[in-house]
């Protein structure tokens, strides 16, 4: 599981909730670090993605991922505080901040179950 979140306390909250739910979690603070992780470790089972990231915006990271065969099918749960309109069809799930940790875990589990159902 890859968590991409620039706010340290939110990143740690997401990491703790998902780790407590039994997932192995790697957390990075921006889209550039996420791309480096993907290049060196391959695709995660799922990604929790903030959109308002420094250096590489979350939508740009997602566009990069969907352009590559290896990462195009990674379920992406967006957790964002941005007010702009998001086309939810582009992502597995969109949650608005602040988010309850249990809702985050439920969304990730739902996305992983949907992925397994399609494969």
C-alpha atoms as a PDB file:
ATOM      1  CA  UNK A   1       0.000   0.000   0.000  1.00  0.00           C
ATOM      2  CA  UNK A   2       1.387   3.399  -0.948  1.00  0.00           C
ATOM      3  CA  UNK A   3       0.210   6.553   0.845  1.00  0.00           C
ATOM      4  CA  UNK A   4       1.067   9.837  -0.866  1.00  0.00           C
ATOM      5  CA  UNK A   5       0.321  12.785   1.430  1.00  0.00           C
ATOM      6  CA  UNK A   6       2.313  15.972   2.042  1.00  0.00           C
ATOM      7  CA  UNK A   7       0.893  16.753   5.484  1.00  0.00           C
ATOM      8  CA  UNK A   8       2.966  14.777   7.994  1.00  0.00           C
ATOM      9  CA  UNK A   9       0.237  14.248  10.614  1.00  0.00           C
ATOM     10  CA  UNK A  10      -2.322  13.158   8.000  1.00  0.00           C
ATOM     11  CA  UNK A  11       0.252  10.871   6.368  1.00  0.00           C
ATOM     12  CA  UNK A  12       1.009   9.241   9.715  1.00  0.00           C
ATOM     13  CA  UNK A  13      -2.704   8.918  10.524  1.00  0.00           C
ATOM     14  CA  UNK A  14      -3.320   7.145   7.205  1.00  0.00           C
ATOM     15  CA  UNK A  15      -0.278   4.930   7.703  1.00  0.00           C
ATOM     16  CA  UNK A  16      -1.334   3.975  11.237  1.00  0.00           C
ATOM     17  CA  UNK A  17      -4.947   3.214  10.246  1.00  0.00           C
ATOM     18  CA  UNK A  18      -3.932   1.026   7.315  1.00  0.00           C
ATOM     19  CA  UNK A  19      -1.151  -0.709   9.253  1.00  0.00           C
ATOM     20  CA  UNK A  20      -3.592  -1.433  12.071  1.00  0.00           C
ATOM     21  CA  UNK A  21      -5.937  -2.952   9.466  1.00  0.00           C
ATOM     22  CA  UNK A  22      -3.161  -5.353   8.448  1.00  0.00           C
ATOM     23  CA  UNK A  23      -1.669  -3.646   5.399  1.00  0.00           C
ATOM     24  CA  UNK A  24       2.028  -3.166   4.772  1.00  0.00           C
ATOM     25  CA  UNK A  25       2.290   0.576   4.149  1.00  0.00           C
ATOM     26  CA  UNK A  26       4.906   2.827   2.604  1.00  0.00           C
ATOM     27  CA  UNK A  27       4.223   6.555   2.940  1.00  0.00           C
ATOM     28  CA  UNK A  28       5.815   9.351   0.918  1.00  0.00           C
ATOM     29  CA  UNK A  29       5.228  13.074   0.944  1.00  0.00           C
ATOM     30  CA  UNK A  30       4.853  14.018  -2.711  1.00  0.00           C
ATOM     31  CA  UNK A  31       4.308  12.837  -6.261  1.00  0.00           C
ATOM     32  CA  UNK A  32       7.990  12.844  -7.190  1.00  0.00           C
ATOM     33  CA  UNK A  33       8.799  10.511  -4.289  1.00  0.00           C
ATOM     34  CA  UNK A  34       5.838   8.341  -5.300  1.00  0.00           C
ATOM     35  CA  UNK A  35       7.186   7.991  -8.849  1.00  0.00           C
ATOM     36  CA  UNK A  36      10.609   7.071  -7.472  1.00  0.00           C
ATOM     37  CA  UNK A  37       8.989   4.428  -5.284  1.00  0.00           C
ATOM     38  CA  UNK A  38       7.022   3.015  -8.225  1.00  0.00           C
ATOM     39  CA  UNK A  39      10.134   2.934 -10.407  1.00  0.00           C
ATOM     40  CA  UNK A  40      12.154   1.028  -7.831  1.00  0.00           C
ATOM     41  CA  UNK A  41       9.515  -1.198  -6.197  1.00  0.00           C
ATOM     42  CA  UNK A  42       6.810  -1.663  -8.807  1.00  0.00           C
ATOM     43  CA  UNK A  43       3.086  -1.188  -8.361  1.00  0.00           C
ATOM     44  CA  UNK A  44       1.504  -1.321  -4.910  1.00  0.00           C
ATOM     45  CA  UNK A  45      -1.734  -3.185  -4.232  1.00  0.00           C
ATOM     46  CA  UNK A  46      -3.431   0.221  -3.905  1.00  0.00           C
ATOM     47  CA  UNK A  47      -2.604   3.878  -3.426  1.00  0.00           C
ATOM     48  CA  UNK A  48      -4.049   6.503  -1.095  1.00  0.00           C
ATOM     49  CA  UNK A  49      -3.440   9.802  -2.856  1.00  0.00           C
ATOM     50  CA  UNK A  50      -3.741  13.427  -1.826  1.00  0.00           C
ATOM     51  CA  UNK A  51      -4.210  15.698  -4.831  1.00  0.00           C
ATOM     52  CA  UNK A  52      -2.705  18.934  -3.500  1.00  0.00           C
ATOM     53  CA  UNK A  53       0.909  17.790  -3.471  1.00  0.00           C
ATOM     54  CA  UNK A  54       4.087  19.850  -3.862  1.00  0.00           C
ATOM     55  CA  UNK A  55       6.437  19.262  -6.821  1.00  0.00           C
ATOM     56  CA  UNK A  56       4.008  16.987  -8.707  1.00  0.00           C
ATOM     57  CA  UNK A  57       0.253  17.397  -8.279  1.00  0.00           C
ATOM     58  CA  UNK A  58      -1.741  14.265  -7.497  1.00  0.00           C
ATOM     59  CA  UNK A  59      -3.647  14.398 -10.797  1.00  0.00           C
ATOM     60  CA  UNK A  60      -0.325  14.548 -12.679  1.00  0.00           C
ATOM     61  CA  UNK A  61       0.955  11.558 -10.701  1.00  0.00           C
ATOM     62  CA  UNK A  62      -2.239   9.672 -11.520  1.00  0.00           C
ATOM     63  CA  UNK A  63      -1.886  10.564 -15.214  1.00  0.00           C
ATOM     64  CA  UNK A  64       1.684   9.218 -15.178  1.00  0.00           C
ATOM     65  CA  UNK A  65       0.506   5.999 -13.553  1.00  0.00           C
ATOM     66  CA  UNK A  66      -2.346   5.381 -15.994  1.00  0.00           C
ATOM     67  CA  UNK A  67       0.021   5.952 -18.929  1.00  0.00           C
ATOM     68  CA  UNK A  68       2.105   2.906 -17.973  1.00  0.00           C
ATOM     69  CA  UNK A  69       0.978  -0.697 -18.331  1.00  0.00           C
ATOM     70  CA  UNK A  70       2.540  -1.745 -15.021  1.00  0.00           C
ATOM     71  CA  UNK A  71       0.676   0.844 -12.900  1.00  0.00           C
ATOM     72  CA  UNK A  72      -2.441   1.632 -14.931  1.00  0.00           C
ATOM     73  CA  UNK A  73      -4.709  -0.682 -12.899  1.00  0.00           C
ATOM     74  CA  UNK A  74      -3.564   0.260  -9.385  1.00  0.00           C
ATOM     75  CA  UNK A  75      -6.674   1.226  -7.384  1.00  0.00           C
ATOM     76  CA  UNK A  76      -6.387   4.860  -6.288  1.00  0.00           C
ATOM     77  CA  UNK A  77      -8.273   6.217  -3.299  1.00  0.00           C
ATOM     78  CA  UNK A  78      -8.136  10.002  -3.411  1.00  0.00           C
ATOM     79  CA  UNK A  79      -8.305  11.778  -0.058  1.00  0.00           C
ATOM     80  CA  UNK A  80      -8.372  15.498  -0.712  1.00  0.00           C
ATOM     81  CA  UNK A  81      -9.255  18.823   0.791  1.00  0.00           C
ATOM     82  CA  UNK A  82      -9.376  20.538  -2.599  1.00  0.00           C
ATOM     83  CA  UNK A  83     -12.648  22.211  -3.478  1.00  0.00           C
ATOM     84  CA  UNK A  84     -12.337  21.856  -7.216  1.00  0.00           C
ATOM     85  CA  UNK A  85     -14.548  19.469  -9.130  1.00  0.00           C
ATOM     86  CA  UNK A  86     -13.021  16.024  -9.461  1.00  0.00           C
ATOM     87  CA  UNK A  87     -14.211  13.544 -12.047  1.00  0.00           C
ATOM     88  CA  UNK A  88     -14.721  10.613  -9.708  1.00  0.00           C
ATOM     89  CA  UNK A  89     -14.734   8.203 -12.641  1.00  0.00           C
ATOM     90  CA  UNK A  90     -10.976   8.777 -12.907  1.00  0.00           C
ATOM     91  CA  UNK A  91     -10.338   7.265  -9.464  1.00  0.00           C
ATOM     92  CA  UNK A  92     -11.427   4.171  -7.558  1.00  0.00           C
ATOM     93  CA  UNK A  93     -12.823   6.298  -4.736  1.00  0.00           C
ATOM     94  CA  UNK A  94     -12.817   9.967  -3.704  1.00  0.00           C
ATOM     95  CA  UNK A  95     -12.993  10.975  -0.048  1.00  0.00           C
ATOM     96  CA  UNK A  96     -13.053  14.551   1.244  1.00  0.00           C
ATOM     97  CA  UNK A  97     -10.869  15.666   4.147  1.00  0.00           C
ATOM     98  CA  UNK A  98     -11.092  15.428   7.017  1.00  0.00           C
ATOM     99  CA  UNK A  99     -11.570  11.671   6.817  1.00  0.00           C
ATOM    100  CA  UNK A 100     -12.283   9.208   9.561  1.00  0.00           C
ATOM    101  CA  UNK A 101      -9.620   6.440   9.625  1.00  0.00           C
ATOM    102  CA  UNK A 102     -12.294   3.726   9.538  1.00  0.00           C
ATOM    103  CA  UNK A 103     -13.761   5.241   6.355  1.00  0.00           C
ATOM    104  CA  UNK A 104     -10.324   5.257   4.781  1.00  0.00           C
ATOM    105  CA  UNK A 105      -9.783   1.576   5.567  1.00  0.00           C
ATOM    106  CA  UNK A 106     -13.278   0.726   4.296  1.00  0.00           C
ATOM    107  CA  UNK A 107     -12.640   2.600   1.031  1.00  0.00           C
ATOM    108  CA  UNK A 108      -9.318   0.835   0.486  1.00  0.00           C
ATOM    109  CA  UNK A 109     -10.870  -2.567   1.191  1.00  0.00           C
ATOM    110  CA  UNK A 110     -13.749  -1.785  -1.190  1.00  0.00           C
ATOM    111  CA  UNK A 111     -11.302  -0.789  -3.954  1.00  0.00           C
ATOM    112  CA  UNK A 112      -9.188  -3.900  -3.479  1.00  0.00           C
ATOM    113  CA  UNK A 113     -12.299  -6.099  -3.547  1.00  0.00           C
ATOM    114  CA  UNK A 114     -13.473  -4.421  -6.767  1.00  0.00           C
ATOM    115  CA  UNK A 115     -10.055  -5.015  -8.328  1.00  0.00           C
ATOM    116  CA  UNK A 116     -10.139  -8.701  -7.384  1.00  0.00           C
ATOM    117  CA  UNK A 117     -13.651  -9.016  -8.811  1.00  0.00           C
ATOM    118  CA  UNK A 118     -12.509  -7.607 -12.179  1.00  0.00           C
ATOM    119  CA  UNK A 119      -9.472  -9.897 -12.379  1.00  0.00           C
END
